[in-house]
């Protein structure tokens, strides 16, 4: 999966939402999210596995090459 893929927008929406990193504002208006960091892409992997015709392994290799080493870094570094 790359940004040119027809399902990219859906993937990014899901990864940034509750089943992914869950970006939201806290009670003080600060943006917070969930991510294990390191090399963990478990949320991205789980979402990709539910999407039709996606080569999960190749997608994760691509994300890594683009600086997406963890779930939130996919959003920060790979997403347009």
N, C-alpha and C. Protein backbone atom coordinates (compact mmCIF):
# COMPACT_ATOMS: atom_id res chain seq x y z
N UNK A 1 0.84 -1.17 0.00
CA UNK A 1 0.00 0.00 0.00
C UNK A 1 0.89 1.24 0.00
N UNK A 2 0.61 2.13 -0.91
CA UNK A 2 1.32 3.41 -1.00
C UNK A 2 0.27 4.52 -1.05
N UNK A 3 0.69 5.77 -0.92
CA UNK A 3 -0.28 6.87 -0.99
C UNK A 3 -1.07 6.93 -2.31
N UNK A 4 -0.59 6.28 -3.34
CA UNK A 4 -1.30 6.27 -4.62
C UNK A 4 -2.40 5.21 -4.68
N UNK A 5 -2.44 4.32 -3.72
CA UNK A 5 -3.41 3.22 -3.73
C UNK A 5 -4.83 3.77 -3.53
N UNK A 6 -5.83 3.22 -4.22
CA UNK A 6 -7.21 3.71 -4.08
C UNK A 6 -7.77 3.61 -2.65
N UNK A 7 -7.24 2.71 -1.82
CA UNK A 7 -7.74 2.56 -0.46
C UNK A 7 -6.90 3.33 0.57
N UNK A 8 -5.94 4.13 0.09
CA UNK A 8 -5.04 4.85 0.99
C UNK A 8 -5.80 5.75 1.96
N UNK A 9 -6.75 6.54 1.46
CA UNK A 9 -7.49 7.47 2.32
C UNK A 9 -8.22 6.71 3.43
N UNK A 10 -8.82 5.58 3.09
CA UNK A 10 -9.49 4.77 4.10
C UNK A 10 -8.50 4.25 5.14
N UNK A 11 -7.35 3.77 4.67
CA UNK A 11 -6.32 3.27 5.58
C UNK A 11 -5.88 4.36 6.55
N UNK A 12 -5.58 5.55 6.05
CA UNK A 12 -5.12 6.66 6.87
C UNK A 12 -6.20 7.08 7.87
N UNK A 13 -7.42 7.13 7.43
CA UNK A 13 -8.53 7.48 8.33
C UNK A 13 -8.65 6.47 9.47
N UNK A 14 -8.57 5.20 9.13
CA UNK A 14 -8.66 4.15 10.15
C UNK A 14 -7.46 4.16 11.09
N UNK A 15 -6.25 4.37 10.53
CA UNK A 15 -5.04 4.38 11.36
C UNK A 15 -5.03 5.57 12.31
N UNK A 16 -5.57 6.69 11.90
CA UNK A 16 -5.59 7.86 12.78
C UNK A 16 -6.78 7.83 13.75
N UNK A 17 -7.77 6.97 13.49
CA UNK A 17 -8.97 6.90 14.31
C UNK A 17 -8.85 5.93 15.48
N UNK A 18 -10.01 5.61 16.11
CA UNK A 18 -10.03 4.79 17.32
C UNK A 18 -9.41 3.40 17.20
N UNK A 19 -9.48 2.78 16.02
CA UNK A 19 -8.88 1.44 15.90
C UNK A 19 -7.38 1.51 15.64
N UNK A 20 -6.87 2.71 15.42
CA UNK A 20 -5.45 2.90 15.18
C UNK A 20 -4.81 3.71 16.30
N UNK A 21 -4.22 4.84 15.94
CA UNK A 21 -3.52 5.68 16.91
C UNK A 21 -4.46 6.53 17.75
N UNK A 22 -5.69 6.68 17.32
CA UNK A 22 -6.73 7.38 18.09
C UNK A 22 -6.32 8.82 18.43
N UNK A 23 -5.97 9.60 17.39
CA UNK A 23 -5.64 11.01 17.58
C UNK A 23 -6.88 11.75 18.06
N UNK A 24 -6.72 12.55 19.13
CA UNK A 24 -7.82 13.31 19.69
C UNK A 24 -7.26 14.42 20.57
N UNK A 25 -8.12 15.34 20.97
CA UNK A 25 -7.74 16.41 21.89
C UNK A 25 -8.09 15.97 23.31
N UNK A 26 -7.19 16.23 24.26
CA UNK A 26 -7.50 15.93 25.66
C UNK A 26 -8.28 17.10 26.26
N UNK A 27 -8.55 17.04 27.54
CA UNK A 27 -9.34 18.07 28.21
C UNK A 27 -8.69 19.45 28.19
N UNK A 28 -7.40 19.50 27.94
CA UNK A 28 -6.68 20.78 27.86
C UNK A 28 -6.47 21.25 26.42
N UNK A 29 -7.04 20.52 25.46
CA UNK A 29 -6.90 20.89 24.05
C UNK A 29 -5.62 20.39 23.41
N UNK A 30 -4.84 19.61 24.14
CA UNK A 30 -3.59 19.07 23.61
C UNK A 30 -3.89 17.81 22.79
N UNK A 31 -3.23 17.66 21.65
CA UNK A 31 -3.40 16.47 20.82
C UNK A 31 -2.67 15.31 21.46
N UNK A 32 -3.37 14.20 21.64
CA UNK A 32 -2.80 12.98 22.21
C UNK A 32 -3.15 11.81 21.29
N UNK A 33 -2.36 10.73 21.41
CA UNK A 33 -2.62 9.54 20.62
C UNK A 33 -1.96 8.34 21.26
N UNK A 34 -2.31 7.15 20.74
CA UNK A 34 -1.73 5.89 21.22
C UNK A 34 -0.73 5.39 20.17
N UNK A 35 0.43 5.01 20.62
CA UNK A 35 1.42 4.38 19.75
C UNK A 35 2.48 3.75 20.64
N UNK A 36 2.85 2.52 20.34
CA UNK A 36 3.86 1.83 21.14
C UNK A 36 5.27 2.28 20.80
N UNK A 37 5.44 2.96 19.65
CA UNK A 37 6.76 3.44 19.25
C UNK A 37 7.67 2.31 18.80
N UNK A 38 8.95 2.59 18.77
CA UNK A 38 9.92 1.59 18.35
C UNK A 38 9.68 1.16 16.92
N UNK A 39 9.55 -0.12 16.72
CA UNK A 39 9.30 -0.67 15.39
C UNK A 39 7.92 -1.33 15.32
N UNK A 40 7.06 -0.99 16.27
CA UNK A 40 5.75 -1.61 16.33
C UNK A 40 4.77 -0.97 15.35
N UNK A 41 4.27 -1.78 14.46
CA UNK A 41 3.27 -1.35 13.50
C UNK A 41 2.04 -2.27 13.62
N UNK A 42 1.73 -2.68 14.85
CA UNK A 42 0.66 -3.66 15.06
C UNK A 42 -0.71 -3.15 14.64
N UNK A 43 -0.99 -1.88 14.88
CA UNK A 43 -2.29 -1.34 14.48
C UNK A 43 -2.39 -1.24 12.96
N UNK A 44 -1.34 -0.76 12.31
CA UNK A 44 -1.32 -0.68 10.85
C UNK A 44 -1.46 -2.08 10.25
N UNK A 45 -0.74 -3.03 10.79
CA UNK A 45 -0.78 -4.42 10.31
C UNK A 45 -2.20 -4.97 10.42
N UNK A 46 -2.86 -4.75 11.54
CA UNK A 46 -4.21 -5.26 11.76
C UNK A 46 -5.21 -4.63 10.78
N UNK A 47 -5.09 -3.34 10.55
CA UNK A 47 -5.99 -2.66 9.62
C UNK A 47 -5.75 -3.15 8.20
N UNK A 48 -4.49 -3.22 7.77
CA UNK A 48 -4.18 -3.69 6.42
C UNK A 48 -4.70 -5.10 6.18
N UNK A 49 -4.65 -5.94 7.20
CA UNK A 49 -5.09 -7.33 7.06
C UNK A 49 -6.58 -7.44 6.76
N UNK A 50 -7.35 -6.41 7.08
CA UNK A 50 -8.79 -6.44 6.81
C UNK A 50 -9.15 -5.84 5.46
N UNK A 51 -8.18 -5.28 4.78
CA UNK A 51 -8.45 -4.60 3.51
C UNK A 51 -8.17 -5.55 2.34
N UNK A 52 -9.08 -5.59 1.38
CA UNK A 52 -8.94 -6.54 0.28
C UNK A 52 -7.75 -6.27 -0.64
N UNK A 53 -7.04 -7.34 -1.00
CA UNK A 53 -5.98 -7.26 -2.00
C UNK A 53 -4.71 -6.55 -1.55
N UNK A 54 -4.49 -6.40 -0.26
CA UNK A 54 -3.31 -5.69 0.23
C UNK A 54 -2.22 -6.69 0.62
N UNK A 55 -1.02 -6.47 0.11
CA UNK A 55 0.14 -7.25 0.52
C UNK A 55 0.70 -6.59 1.78
N UNK A 56 0.32 -7.11 2.93
CA UNK A 56 0.65 -6.49 4.21
C UNK A 56 2.16 -6.41 4.39
N UNK A 57 2.86 -7.49 4.13
CA UNK A 57 4.32 -7.53 4.34
C UNK A 57 5.03 -6.47 3.49
N UNK A 58 4.68 -6.38 2.21
CA UNK A 58 5.30 -5.38 1.33
C UNK A 58 4.94 -3.97 1.74
N UNK A 59 3.71 -3.78 2.20
CA UNK A 59 3.28 -2.47 2.66
C UNK A 59 4.12 -2.02 3.85
N UNK A 60 4.34 -2.91 4.81
CA UNK A 60 5.13 -2.57 5.98
C UNK A 60 6.58 -2.27 5.62
N UNK A 61 7.13 -2.99 4.66
CA UNK A 61 8.49 -2.70 4.18
C UNK A 61 8.54 -1.31 3.56
N UNK A 62 7.53 -0.98 2.76
CA UNK A 62 7.46 0.34 2.14
C UNK A 62 7.38 1.43 3.22
N UNK A 63 6.50 1.25 4.20
CA UNK A 63 6.36 2.24 5.27
C UNK A 63 7.70 2.47 5.96
N UNK A 64 8.39 1.39 6.27
CA UNK A 64 9.69 1.47 6.95
C UNK A 64 10.68 2.29 6.11
N UNK A 65 10.72 2.04 4.80
CA UNK A 65 11.63 2.76 3.91
C UNK A 65 11.32 4.25 3.83
N UNK A 66 10.06 4.61 4.12
CA UNK A 66 9.64 6.01 4.06
C UNK A 66 9.69 6.69 5.43
N UNK A 67 10.21 6.01 6.44
CA UNK A 67 10.31 6.58 7.78
C UNK A 67 9.15 6.23 8.68
N UNK A 68 8.29 5.31 8.25
CA UNK A 68 7.16 4.87 9.06
C UNK A 68 7.55 3.68 9.90
N UNK A 69 8.32 3.91 10.95
CA UNK A 69 8.85 2.82 11.77
C UNK A 69 7.85 2.30 12.80
N UNK A 70 6.84 3.11 13.13
CA UNK A 70 5.78 2.68 14.05
C UNK A 70 4.46 3.24 13.50
N UNK A 71 3.36 2.92 14.16
CA UNK A 71 2.06 3.33 13.65
C UNK A 71 1.94 4.83 13.46
N UNK A 72 2.32 5.63 14.46
CA UNK A 72 2.17 7.08 14.31
C UNK A 72 3.14 7.65 13.27
N UNK A 73 4.32 7.07 13.14
CA UNK A 73 5.27 7.56 12.14
C UNK A 73 4.79 7.29 10.72
N UNK A 74 3.96 6.28 10.53
CA UNK A 74 3.34 6.08 9.21
C UNK A 74 2.49 7.31 8.90
N UNK A 75 1.73 7.77 9.87
CA UNK A 75 0.89 8.95 9.66
C UNK A 75 1.72 10.21 9.48
N UNK A 76 2.78 10.37 10.28
CA UNK A 76 3.60 11.58 10.20
C UNK A 76 4.52 11.59 9.00
N UNK A 77 5.12 10.45 8.62
CA UNK A 77 6.17 10.44 7.62
C UNK A 77 5.77 9.88 6.26
N UNK A 78 4.76 9.06 6.20
CA UNK A 78 4.39 8.43 4.93
C UNK A 78 3.16 9.08 4.34
N UNK A 79 2.22 9.45 5.16
CA UNK A 79 0.98 10.07 4.71
C UNK A 79 1.28 11.42 4.08
N UNK A 80 0.52 11.76 3.08
CA UNK A 80 0.70 13.07 2.40
C UNK A 80 0.39 14.22 3.30
